[in-house]
Amino acid sequence: MYPEIISKMAFSKAHKDLLLKLYNKEITRREYDRLVQELYEPVPQPVEKK
């Protein structure tokens, strides 16, 4: 993958950074998957008691 393609694939700046780290072998695919999951997983809202 070339960095130009990575720019087109990325959903956001944070995702682009992760893709570049993966491309440069700074992180493993498993770490990439976990970080993307954390990045895009909706944070559950706390339930307010009435």
Protein backbone atom coordinates (compact mmCIF):
# COMPACT_ATOMS: atom_id res chain seq x y z
CA MET A 1 0.00 0.00 0.00
CA TYR A 2 1.27 3.44 -0.84
CA PRO A 3 0.71 6.43 1.44
CA GLU A 4 -1.52 8.08 -1.24
CA ILE A 5 -3.86 5.09 -1.10
CA ILE A 6 -3.83 5.21 2.70
CA SER A 7 -5.04 8.82 2.55
CA LYS A 8 -7.99 7.75 0.39
CA MET A 9 -8.83 4.77 2.64
CA ALA A 10 -8.77 6.63 5.95
CA PHE A 11 -12.05 7.57 7.62
CA SER A 12 -10.45 10.25 9.80
CA LYS A 13 -7.08 11.71 10.81
CA ALA A 14 -6.80 9.22 13.69
CA HIS A 15 -7.57 6.31 11.35
CA LYS A 16 -4.98 7.57 8.84
CA ASP A 17 -2.37 7.66 11.61
CA LEU A 18 -3.18 4.06 12.54
CA LEU A 19 -2.98 2.93 8.90
CA LEU A 20 0.42 4.60 8.50
CA LYS A 21 1.69 2.94 11.69
CA LEU A 22 0.48 -0.42 10.38
CA TYR A 23 2.10 0.24 6.98
CA ASN A 24 5.39 1.19 8.64
CA LYS A 25 5.16 -1.93 10.85
CA GLU A 26 5.12 0.14 14.04
CA ILE A 27 2.06 -1.82 15.20
CA THR A 28 0.78 -5.31 14.43
CA ARG A 29 -2.47 -6.09 12.65
CA ARG A 30 -3.94 -7.30 15.94
CA GLU A 31 -3.07 -4.00 17.64
CA TYR A 32 -4.49 -2.09 14.65
CA ASP A 33 -7.78 -4.01 14.84
CA ARG A 34 -8.08 -3.38 18.58
CA LEU A 35 -7.32 0.34 18.25
CA VAL A 36 -9.79 0.80 15.39
CA GLN A 37 -12.44 -1.02 17.41
CA GLU A 38 -11.83 1.30 20.37
CA LEU A 39 -11.79 4.34 18.09
CA TYR A 40 -15.12 3.66 16.40
CA GLU A 41 -16.98 1.75 19.13
CA PRO A 42 -19.76 3.99 20.41
CA VAL A 43 -19.24 4.83 24.07
CA PRO A 44 -22.25 3.68 26.11
CA GLN A 45 -24.07 6.56 27.75
CA PRO A 46 -24.57 6.26 31.51
CA VAL A 47 -28.15 5.65 32.54
CA GLU A 48 -29.50 8.47 34.68
CA LYS A 49 -31.60 7.53 37.70
CA LYS A 50 -34.81 9.48 38.14
